[in-house]
């Protein structure tokens, strides 16, 4: 039973995690984005995708890790929003989560 308790405790932060999309202004240096990703991971989250076309990434992270992103850079402020399904032209077959 000790093994299962350790297993559950180890994955608890991700169980409480929110799925988010983090984007930055186009002139943001890559180092700022890497610092933000490291902050998410150190805060108990994980990076689920790194975007190439836009400056940003998606992640699953606890609230504390998400809130820390807002205070990391005064010059390059991230836009943080819940990750969700987006449809165009009123696609009624697409369900949001």
PDB file of N, CA and C in Angstrom:
ATOM      1  N   UNK A   1       0.810  -1.194   0.000  1.00  0.00           N
ATOM      2  CA  UNK A   1       0.000   0.000   0.000  1.00  0.00           C
ATOM      3  C   UNK A   1       0.857   1.262   0.000  1.00  0.00           C
ATOM      4  N   UNK A   2       2.083   1.180   0.523  1.00  0.00           N
ATOM      5  CA  UNK A   2       2.961   2.344   0.532  1.00  0.00           C
ATOM      6  C   UNK A   2       3.297   2.794  -0.877  1.00  0.00           C
ATOM      7  N   UNK A   3       3.483   1.844  -1.762  1.00  0.00           N
ATOM      8  CA  UNK A   3       3.808   2.186  -3.142  1.00  0.00           C
ATOM      9  C   UNK A   3       2.672   2.951  -3.789  1.00  0.00           C
ATOM     10  N   UNK A   4       1.449   2.514  -3.603  1.00  0.00           N
ATOM     11  CA  UNK A   4       0.330   3.211  -4.227  1.00  0.00           C
ATOM     12  C   UNK A   4       0.132   4.600  -3.624  1.00  0.00           C
ATOM     13  N   UNK A   5       0.391   4.768  -2.334  1.00  0.00           N
ATOM     14  CA  UNK A   5       0.285   6.096  -1.723  1.00  0.00           C
ATOM     15  C   UNK A   5       1.338   7.040  -2.294  1.00  0.00           C
ATOM     16  N   UNK A   6       2.557   6.543  -2.446  1.00  0.00           N
ATOM     17  CA  UNK A   6       3.625   7.361  -3.030  1.00  0.00           C
ATOM     18  C   UNK A   6       3.298   7.712  -4.472  1.00  0.00           C
ATOM     19  N   UNK A   7       2.731   6.777  -5.190  1.00  0.00           N
ATOM     20  CA  UNK A   7       2.348   6.997  -6.581  1.00  0.00           C
ATOM     21  C   UNK A   7       1.300   8.102  -6.677  1.00  0.00           C
ATOM     22  N   UNK A   8       0.293   8.029  -5.820  1.00  0.00           N
ATOM     23  CA  UNK A   8      -0.783   9.029  -5.825  1.00  0.00           C
ATOM     24  C   UNK A   8      -0.241  10.402  -5.434  1.00  0.00           C
ATOM     25  N   UNK A   9       0.570  10.462  -4.402  1.00  0.00           N
ATOM     26  CA  UNK A   9       1.131  11.742  -3.962  1.00  0.00           C
ATOM     27  C   UNK A   9       2.027  12.346  -5.038  1.00  0.00           C
ATOM     28  N   UNK A  10       2.754  11.507  -5.751  1.00  0.00           N
ATOM     29  CA  UNK A  10       3.630  11.989  -6.813  1.00  0.00           C
ATOM     30  C   UNK A  10       2.882  12.623  -7.965  1.00  0.00           C
ATOM     31  N   UNK A  11       1.684  12.125  -8.247  1.00  0.00           N
ATOM     32  CA  UNK A  11       0.909  12.653  -9.364  1.00  0.00           C
ATOM     33  C   UNK A  11      -0.167  13.639  -8.945  1.00  0.00           C
ATOM     34  N   UNK A  12      -0.273  13.932  -7.666  1.00  0.00           N
ATOM     35  CA  UNK A  12      -1.285  14.862  -7.184  1.00  0.00           C
ATOM     36  C   UNK A  12      -1.184  16.249  -7.808  1.00  0.00           C
ATOM     37  N   UNK A  13       0.019  16.844  -7.929  1.00  0.00           N
ATOM     38  CA  UNK A  13       0.076  18.175  -8.550  1.00  0.00           C
ATOM     39  C   UNK A  13      -0.510  18.203  -9.962  1.00  0.00           C
ATOM     40  N   UNK A  14      -0.259  17.175 -10.767  1.00  0.00           N
ATOM     41  CA  UNK A  14      -0.819  17.162 -12.117  1.00  0.00           C
ATOM     42  C   UNK A  14      -2.317  16.908 -12.099  1.00  0.00           C
ATOM     43  N   UNK A  15      -2.807  16.202 -11.088  1.00  0.00           N
ATOM     44  CA  UNK A  15      -4.247  15.976 -10.983  1.00  0.00           C
ATOM     45  C   UNK A  15      -4.972  17.289 -10.712  1.00  0.00           C
ATOM     46  N   UNK A  16      -4.312  18.214 -10.035  1.00  0.00           N
ATOM     47  CA  UNK A  16      -4.891  19.515  -9.728  1.00  0.00           C
ATOM     48  C   UNK A  16      -4.522  20.572 -10.766  1.00  0.00           C
ATOM     49  N   UNK A  17      -3.849  20.163 -11.817  1.00  0.00           N
ATOM     50  CA  UNK A  17      -3.347  21.099 -12.820  1.00  0.00           C
ATOM     51  C   UNK A  17      -4.453  21.575 -13.753  1.00  0.00           C
ATOM     52  N   UNK A  18      -4.243  22.764 -14.284  1.00  0.00           N
ATOM     53  CA  UNK A  18      -5.118  23.329 -15.310  1.00  0.00           C
ATOM     54  C   UNK A  18      -4.387  23.264 -16.638  1.00  0.00           C
ATOM     55  N   UNK A  19      -5.132  23.076 -17.698  1.00  0.00           N
ATOM     56  CA  UNK A  19      -4.564  23.086 -19.041  1.00  0.00           C
ATOM     57  C   UNK A  19      -4.617  24.525 -19.553  1.00  0.00           C
ATOM     58  N   UNK A  20      -3.447  25.075 -19.914  1.00  0.00           N
ATOM     59  CA  UNK A  20      -3.372  26.485 -20.304  1.00  0.00           C
ATOM     60  C   UNK A  20      -2.610  26.667 -21.617  1.00  0.00           C
ATOM     61  N   UNK A  21      -2.840  27.806 -22.224  1.00  0.00           N
ATOM     62  CA  UNK A  21      -2.108  28.259 -23.401  1.00  0.00           C
ATOM     63  C   UNK A  21      -1.446  29.576 -23.005  1.00  0.00           C
ATOM     64  N   UNK A  22      -0.131  29.654 -23.186  1.00  0.00           N
ATOM     65  CA  UNK A  22       0.634  30.847 -22.815  1.00  0.00           C
ATOM     66  C   UNK A  22       1.248  31.421 -24.085  1.00  0.00           C
ATOM     67  N   UNK A  23       0.931  32.673 -24.396  1.00  0.00           N
ATOM     68  CA  UNK A  23       1.506  33.325 -25.573  1.00  0.00           C
ATOM     69  C   UNK A  23       2.177  34.631 -25.151  1.00  0.00           C
ATOM     70  N   UNK A  24       3.154  35.026 -25.949  1.00  0.00           N
ATOM     71  CA  UNK A  24       3.944  36.233 -25.685  1.00  0.00           C
ATOM     72  C   UNK A  24       3.947  37.115 -26.924  1.00  0.00           C
ATOM     73  N   UNK A  25       4.248  38.420 -26.752  1.00  0.00           N
ATOM     74  CA  UNK A  25       4.403  39.296 -27.916  1.00  0.00           C
ATOM     75  C   UNK A  25       5.478  38.744 -28.858  1.00  0.00           C
ATOM     76  N   UNK A  26       5.345  39.028 -30.129  1.00  0.00           N
ATOM     77  CA  UNK A  26       6.235  38.468 -31.149  1.00  0.00           C
ATOM     78  C   UNK A  26       7.701  38.852 -30.944  1.00  0.00           C
ATOM     79  N   UNK A  27       7.971  39.982 -30.296  1.00  0.00           N
ATOM     80  CA  UNK A  27       9.363  40.414 -30.096  1.00  0.00           C
ATOM     81  C   UNK A  27       9.993  39.861 -28.807  1.00  0.00           C
ATOM     82  N   UNK A  28       9.313  38.938 -28.147  1.00  0.00           N
ATOM     83  CA  UNK A  28       9.832  38.347 -26.908  1.00  0.00           C
ATOM     84  C   UNK A  28      11.030  37.449 -27.207  1.00  0.00           C
ATOM     85  N   UNK A  29      12.130  37.623 -26.491  1.00  0.00           N
ATOM     86  CA  UNK A  29      13.294  36.746 -26.690  1.00  0.00           C
ATOM     87  C   UNK A  29      12.970  35.300 -26.276  1.00  0.00           C
ATOM     88  N   UNK A  30      13.591  34.362 -26.964  1.00  0.00           N
ATOM     89  CA  UNK A  30      13.384  32.949 -26.652  1.00  0.00           C
ATOM     90  C   UNK A  30      13.760  32.632 -25.207  1.00  0.00           C
ATOM     91  N   UNK A  31      14.735  33.349 -24.662  1.00  0.00           N
ATOM     92  CA  UNK A  31      15.172  33.090 -23.284  1.00  0.00           C
ATOM     93  C   UNK A  31      14.050  33.357 -22.274  1.00  0.00           C
ATOM     94  N   UNK A  32      13.204  34.340 -22.542  1.00  0.00           N
ATOM     95  CA  UNK A  32      12.082  34.643 -21.649  1.00  0.00           C
ATOM     96  C   UNK A  32      11.086  33.488 -21.665  1.00  0.00           C
ATOM     97  N   UNK A  33      10.837  32.946 -22.845  1.00  0.00           N
ATOM     98  CA  UNK A  33       9.897  31.829 -22.976  1.00  0.00           C
ATOM     99  C   UNK A  33      10.463  30.575 -22.311  1.00  0.00           C
ATOM    100  N   UNK A  34      11.751  30.317 -22.489  1.00  0.00           N
ATOM    101  CA  UNK A  34      12.392  29.162 -21.833  1.00  0.00           C
ATOM    102  C   UNK A  34      12.327  29.302 -20.311  1.00  0.00           C
ATOM    103  N   UNK A  35      12.554  30.512 -19.803  1.00  0.00           N
ATOM    104  CA  UNK A  35      12.452  30.742 -18.357  1.00  0.00           C
ATOM    105  C   UNK A  35      11.038  30.438 -17.860  1.00  0.00           C
ATOM    106  N   UNK A  36      10.036  30.841 -18.629  1.00  0.00           N
ATOM    107  CA  UNK A  36       8.645  30.578 -18.253  1.00  0.00           C
ATOM    108  C   UNK A  36       8.361  29.076 -18.249  1.00  0.00           C
ATOM    109  N   UNK A  37       8.861  28.370 -19.257  1.00  0.00           N
ATOM    110  CA  UNK A  37       8.665  26.920 -19.310  1.00  0.00           C
ATOM    111  C   UNK A  37       9.341  26.243 -18.119  1.00  0.00           C
ATOM    112  N   UNK A  38      10.548  26.672 -17.794  1.00  0.00           N
ATOM    113  CA  UNK A  38      11.254  26.109 -16.636  1.00  0.00           C
ATOM    114  C   UNK A  38      10.486  26.369 -15.344  1.00  0.00           C
ATOM    115  N   UNK A  39       9.888  27.536 -15.237  1.00  0.00           N
ATOM    116  CA  UNK A  39       9.105  27.884 -14.056  1.00  0.00           C
ATOM    117  C   UNK A  39       7.892  26.966 -13.910  1.00  0.00           C
ATOM    118  N   UNK A  40       7.243  26.669 -15.023  1.00  0.00           N
ATOM    119  CA  UNK A  40       6.093  25.754 -15.004  1.00  0.00           C
ATOM    120  C   UNK A  40       6.526  24.376 -14.514  1.00  0.00           C
ATOM    121  N   UNK A  41       7.615  23.865 -15.063  1.00  0.00           N
ATOM    122  CA  UNK A  41       8.103  22.529 -14.695  1.00  0.00           C
ATOM    123  C   UNK A  41       8.535  22.499 -13.226  1.00  0.00           C
ATOM    124  N   UNK A  42       9.263  23.520 -12.794  1.00  0.00           N
ATOM    125  CA  UNK A  42       9.708  23.578 -11.396  1.00  0.00           C
ATOM    126  C   UNK A  42       8.533  23.723 -10.433  1.00  0.00           C
ATOM    127  N   UNK A  43       7.431  24.277 -10.918  1.00  0.00           N
ATOM    128  CA  UNK A  43       6.235  24.445 -10.094  1.00  0.00           C
ATOM    129  C   UNK A  43       5.324  23.232 -10.092  1.00  0.00           C
ATOM    130  N   UNK A  44       5.779  22.132 -10.687  1.00  0.00           N
ATOM    131  CA  UNK A  44       4.995  20.898 -10.668  1.00  0.00           C
ATOM    132  C   UNK A  44       4.158  20.659 -11.907  1.00  0.00           C
ATOM    133  N   UNK A  45       4.353  21.462 -12.944  1.00  0.00           N
ATOM    134  CA  UNK A  45       3.588  21.292 -14.169  1.00  0.00           C
ATOM    135  C   UNK A  45       4.396  20.616 -15.256  1.00  0.00           C
ATOM    136  N   UNK A  46       3.812  20.561 -16.443  1.00  0.00           N
ATOM    137  CA  UNK A  46       4.527  19.995 -17.585  1.00  0.00           C
ATOM    138  C   UNK A  46       4.128  20.741 -18.853  1.00  0.00           C
ATOM    139  N   UNK A  47       5.076  20.860 -19.753  1.00  0.00           N
ATOM    140  CA  UNK A  47       4.849  21.510 -21.042  1.00  0.00           C
ATOM    141  C   UNK A  47       4.259  20.453 -21.971  1.00  0.00           C
ATOM    142  N   UNK A  48       3.123  20.762 -22.587  1.00  0.00           N
ATOM    143  CA  UNK A  48       2.480  19.787 -23.469  1.00  0.00           C
ATOM    144  C   UNK A  48       2.734  20.068 -24.945  1.00  0.00           C
ATOM    145  N   UNK A  49       3.075  21.324 -25.279  1.00  0.00           N
ATOM    146  CA  UNK A  49       3.379  21.650 -26.675  1.00  0.00           C
ATOM    147  C   UNK A  49       4.130  22.977 -26.739  1.00  0.00           C
ATOM    148  N   UNK A  50       5.108  23.055 -27.627  1.00  0.00           N
ATOM    149  CA  UNK A  50       5.809  24.313 -27.900  1.00  0.00           C
ATOM    150  C   UNK A  50       5.416  24.756 -29.302  1.00  0.00           C
ATOM    151  N   UNK A  51       4.903  25.962 -29.422  1.00  0.00           N
ATOM    152  CA  UNK A  51       4.452  26.470 -30.715  1.00  0.00           C
ATOM    153  C   UNK A  51       5.600  27.108 -31.481  1.00  0.00           C
ATOM    154  N   UNK A  52       5.585  26.964 -32.780  1.00  0.00           N
ATOM    155  CA  UNK A  52       6.615  27.535 -33.639  1.00  0.00           C
ATOM    156  C   UNK A  52       6.111  28.791 -34.357  1.00  0.00           C
ATOM    157  N   UNK A  53       4.855  28.799 -34.758  1.00  0.00           N
ATOM    158  CA  UNK A  53       4.299  29.917 -35.514  1.00  0.00           C
ATOM    159  C   UNK A  53       4.058  31.136 -34.624  1.00  0.00           C
ATOM    160  N   UNK A  54       3.656  30.884 -33.402  1.00  0.00           N
ATOM    161  CA  UNK A  54       3.465  31.964 -32.437  1.00  0.00           C
ATOM    162  C   UNK A  54       4.458  31.764 -31.296  1.00  0.00           C
ATOM    163  N   UNK A  55       4.736  32.815 -30.572  1.00  0.00           N
ATOM    164  CA  UNK A  55       5.640  32.724 -29.422  1.00  0.00           C
ATOM    165  C   UNK A  55       4.828  32.226 -28.233  1.00  0.00           C
ATOM    166  N   UNK A  56       4.966  30.952 -27.909  1.00  0.00           N
ATOM    167  CA  UNK A  56       4.230  30.442 -26.768  1.00  0.00           C
ATOM    168  C   UNK A  56       4.271  28.936 -26.650  1.00  0.00           C
ATOM    169  N   UNK A  57       3.482  28.438 -25.713  1.00  0.00           N
ATOM    170  CA  UNK A  57       3.431  27.011 -25.431  1.00  0.00           C
ATOM    171  C   UNK A  57       2.136  26.684 -24.699  1.00  0.00           C
ATOM    172  N   UNK A  58       1.803  25.406 -24.655  1.00  0.00           N
ATOM    173  CA  UNK A  58       0.691  24.950 -23.830  1.00  0.00           C
ATOM    174  C   UNK A  58       1.268  24.101 -22.711  1.00  0.00           C
ATOM    175  N   UNK A  59       0.535  24.053 -21.611  1.00  0.00           N
ATOM    176  CA  UNK A  59       1.040  23.346 -20.434  1.00  0.00           C
ATOM    177  C   UNK A  59      -0.113  22.893 -19.557  1.00  0.00           C
ATOM    178  N   UNK A  60       0.206  21.990 -18.653  1.00  0.00           N
ATOM    179  CA  UNK A  60      -0.682  21.621 -17.560  1.00  0.00           C
ATOM    180  C   UNK A  60       0.076  21.985 -16.293  1.00  0.00           C
ATOM    181  N   UNK A  61      -0.531  22.831 -15.460  1.00  0.00           N
ATOM    182  CA  UNK A  61       0.196  23.325 -14.290  1.00  0.00           C
ATOM    183  C   UNK A  61      -0.759  23.708 -13.167  1.00  0.00           C
ATOM    184  N   UNK A  62      -0.273  23.617 -11.927  1.00  0.00           N
ATOM    185  CA  UNK A  62      -1.060  24.090 -10.784  1.00  0.00           C
ATOM    186  C   UNK A  62      -1.163  25.621 -10.799  1.00  0.00           C
ATOM    187  N   UNK A  63      -2.149  26.139 -10.086  1.00  0.00           N
ATOM    188  CA  UNK A  63      -2.384  27.591 -10.044  1.00  0.00           C
ATOM    189  C   UNK A  63      -1.148  28.396  -9.650  1.00  0.00           C
ATOM    190  N   UNK A  64      -0.410  27.936  -8.659  1.00  0.00           N
ATOM    191  CA  UNK A  64       0.757  28.694  -8.183  1.00  0.00           C
ATOM    192  C   UNK A  64       1.795  28.861  -9.288  1.00  0.00           C
ATOM    193  N   UNK A  65       2.017  27.820 -10.073  1.00  0.00           N
ATOM    194  CA  UNK A  65       2.986  27.903 -11.172  1.00  0.00           C
ATOM    195  C   UNK A  65       2.481  28.848 -12.259  1.00  0.00           C
ATOM    196  N   UNK A  66       1.193  28.820 -12.513  1.00  0.00           N
ATOM    197  CA  UNK A  66       0.600  29.698 -13.530  1.00  0.00           C
ATOM    198  C   UNK A  66       0.721  31.156 -13.092  1.00  0.00           C
ATOM    199  N   UNK A  67       0.414  31.430 -11.842  1.00  0.00           N
ATOM    200  CA  UNK A  67       0.472  32.805 -11.333  1.00  0.00           C
ATOM    201  C   UNK A  67       1.888  33.367 -11.358  1.00  0.00           C
ATOM    202  N   UNK A  68       2.877  32.507 -11.195  1.00  0.00           N
ATOM    203  CA  UNK A  68       4.266  32.988 -11.192  1.00  0.00           C
ATOM    204  C   UNK A  68       4.692  33.530 -12.555  1.00  0.00           C
ATOM    205  N   UNK A  69       4.039  33.100 -13.629  1.00  0.00           N
ATOM    206  CA  UNK A  69       4.401  33.579 -14.968  1.00  0.00           C
ATOM    207  C   UNK A  69       4.163  35.079 -15.122  1.00  0.00           C
ATOM    208  N   UNK A  70       3.130  35.573 -14.488  1.00  0.00           N
ATOM    209  CA  UNK A  70       2.765  36.986 -14.628  1.00  0.00           C
ATOM    210  C   UNK A  70       3.803  37.933 -14.050  1.00  0.00           C
ATOM    211  N   UNK A  71       4.621  37.452 -13.134  1.00  0.00           N
ATOM    212  CA  UNK A  71       5.578  38.329 -12.461  1.00  0.00           C
ATOM    213  C   UNK A  71       7.016  38.145 -12.937  1.00  0.00           C
ATOM    214  N   UNK A  72       7.244  37.279 -13.908  1.00  0.00           N
ATOM    215  CA  UNK A  72       8.614  36.985 -14.327  1.00  0.00           C
ATOM    216  C   UNK A  72       9.260  38.090 -15.144  1.00  0.00           C
ATOM    217  N   UNK A  73       8.540  38.684 -16.057  1.00  0.00           N
ATOM    218  CA  UNK A  73       9.129  39.702 -16.925  1.00  0.00           C
ATOM    219  C   UNK A  73       8.237  40.935 -16.940  1.00  0.00           C
ATOM    220  N   UNK A  74       8.824  42.086 -16.672  1.00  0.00           N
ATOM    221  CA  UNK A  74       8.036  43.314 -16.701  1.00  0.00           C
ATOM    222  C   UNK A  74       7.870  43.838 -18.126  1.00  0.00           C
ATOM    223  N   UNK A  75       8.796  43.507 -19.001  1.00  0.00           N
ATOM    224  CA  UNK A  75       8.746  44.002 -20.377  1.00  0.00           C
ATOM    225  C   UNK A  75       7.896  43.115 -21.288  1.00  0.00           C
ATOM    226  N   UNK A  76       7.962  41.806 -21.100  1.00  0.00           N
ATOM    227  CA  UNK A  76       7.258  40.863 -21.973  1.00  0.00           C
ATOM    228  C   UNK A  76       6.196  40.124 -21.170  1.00  0.00           C
ATOM    229  N   UNK A  77       4.983  40.649 -21.183  1.00  0.00           N
ATOM    230  CA  UNK A  77       3.889  40.072 -20.406  1.00  0.00           C
ATOM    231  C   UNK A  77       3.206  38.949 -21.189  1.00  0.00           C
ATOM    232  N   UNK A  78       3.018  37.796 -20.558  1.00  0.00           N
ATOM    233  CA  UNK A  78       2.331  36.703 -21.240  1.00  0.00           C
ATOM    234  C   UNK A  78       0.816  36.887 -21.212  1.00  0.00           C
ATOM    235  N   UNK A  79       0.168  36.318 -22.200  1.00  0.00           N
ATOM    236  CA  UNK A  79      -1.277  36.157 -22.180  1.00  0.00           C
ATOM    237  C   UNK A  79      -1.514  34.705 -21.800  1.00  0.00           C
ATOM    238  N   UNK A  80      -2.248  34.480 -20.730  1.00  0.00           N
ATOM    239  CA  UNK A  80      -2.492  33.131 -20.229  1.00  0.00           C
ATOM    240  C   UNK A  80      -3.989  32.878 -20.285  1.00  0.00           C
ATOM    241  N   UNK A  81      -4.377  31.825 -20.981  1.00  0.00           N
ATOM    242  CA  UNK A  81      -5.792  31.492 -21.085  1.00  0.00           C
ATOM    243  C   UNK A  81      -5.976  29.988 -20.980  1.00  0.00           C
ATOM    244  N   UNK A  82      -7.169  29.594 -20.591  1.00  0.00           N
ATOM    245  CA  UNK A  82      -7.482  28.175 -20.519  1.00  0.00           C
ATOM    246  C   UNK A  82      -7.429  27.556 -21.901  1.00  0.00           C
ATOM    247  N   UNK A  83      -6.809  26.397 -21.997  1.00  0.00           N
ATOM    248  CA  UNK A  83      -6.729  25.685 -23.271  1.00  0.00           C
ATOM    249  C   UNK A  83      -8.098  25.089 -23.555  1.00  0.00           C
ATOM    250  N   UNK A  84      -8.630  25.349 -24.748  1.00  0.00           N
ATOM    251  CA  UNK A  84      -9.953  24.859 -25.099  1.00  0.00           C
ATOM    252  C   UNK A  84     -10.064  24.650 -26.595  1.00  0.00           C
ATOM    253  N   UNK A  85     -11.088  23.951 -26.993  1.00  0.00           N
ATOM    254  CA  UNK A  85     -11.344  23.723 -28.409  1.00  0.00           C
ATOM    255  C   UNK A  85     -11.938  24.994 -28.999  1.00  0.00           C
ATOM    256  N   UNK A  86     -11.430  25.395 -30.147  1.00  0.00           N
ATOM    257  CA  UNK A  86     -11.924  26.581 -30.837  1.00  0.00           C
ATOM    258  C   UNK A  86     -12.430  26.153 -32.202  1.00  0.00           C
ATOM    259  N   UNK A  87     -13.598  26.656 -32.586  1.00  0.00           N
ATOM    260  CA  UNK A  87     -14.137  26.319 -33.901  1.00  0.00           C
ATOM    261  C   UNK A  87     -14.364  27.600 -34.695  1.00  0.00           C
ATOM    262  N   UNK A  88     -14.501  27.446 -35.999  1.00  0.00           N
ATOM    263  CA  UNK A  88     -14.754  28.596 -36.864  1.00  0.00           C
ATOM    264  C   UNK A  88     -16.107  28.452 -37.536  1.00  0.00           C
ATOM    265  N   UNK A  89     -16.676  29.571 -37.888  1.00  0.00           N
ATOM    266  CA  UNK A  89     -17.928  29.599 -38.636  1.00  0.00           C
ATOM    267  C   UNK A  89     -19.062  28.858 -37.938  1.00  0.00           C
ATOM    268  N   UNK A  90     -19.109  28.902 -36.640  1.00  0.00           N
ATOM    269  CA  UNK A  90     -20.219  28.316 -35.898  1.00  0.00           C
ATOM    270  C   UNK A  90     -20.342  26.818 -36.040  1.00  0.00           C
ATOM    271  N   UNK A  91     -19.242  26.124 -36.119  1.00  0.00           N
ATOM    272  CA  UNK A  91     -19.239  24.663 -36.246  1.00  0.00           C
ATOM    273  C   UNK A  91     -19.908  24.052 -35.022  1.00  0.00           C
ATOM    274  N   UNK A  92     -21.127  23.541 -35.208  1.00  0.00           N
ATOM    275  CA  UNK A  92     -21.896  23.009 -34.085  1.00  0.00           C
ATOM    276  C   UNK A  92     -21.497  21.585 -33.726  1.00  0.00           C
ATOM    277  N   UNK A  93     -20.705  20.923 -34.576  1.00  0.00           N
ATOM    278  CA  UNK A  93     -20.264  19.566 -34.269  1.00  0.00           C
ATOM    279  C   UNK A  93     -19.088  19.567 -33.309  1.00  0.00           C
ATOM    280  N   UNK A  94     -18.481  20.699 -33.129  1.00  0.00           N
ATOM    281  CA  UNK A  94     -17.294  20.809 -32.281  1.00  0.00           C
ATOM    282  C   UNK A  94     -17.731  21.161 -30.864  1.00  0.00           C
ATOM    283  N   UNK A  95     -17.389  20.334 -29.921  1.00  0.00           N
ATOM    284  CA  UNK A  95     -17.780  20.560 -28.532  1.00  0.00           C
ATOM    285  C   UNK A  95     -16.600  21.123 -27.756  1.00  0.00           C
ATOM    286  N   UNK A  96     -16.849  22.133 -26.932  1.00  0.00           N
ATOM    287  CA  UNK A  96     -15.765  22.672 -26.102  1.00  0.00           C
ATOM    288  C   UNK A  96     -15.765  21.953 -24.769  1.00  0.00           C
ATOM    289  N   UNK A  97     -14.581  21.945 -24.145  1.00  0.00           N
ATOM    290  CA  UNK A  97     -14.470  21.256 -22.852  1.00  0.00           C
ATOM    291  C   UNK A  97     -14.486  22.213 -21.714  1.00  0.00           C
TER     292      UNK A  97
END
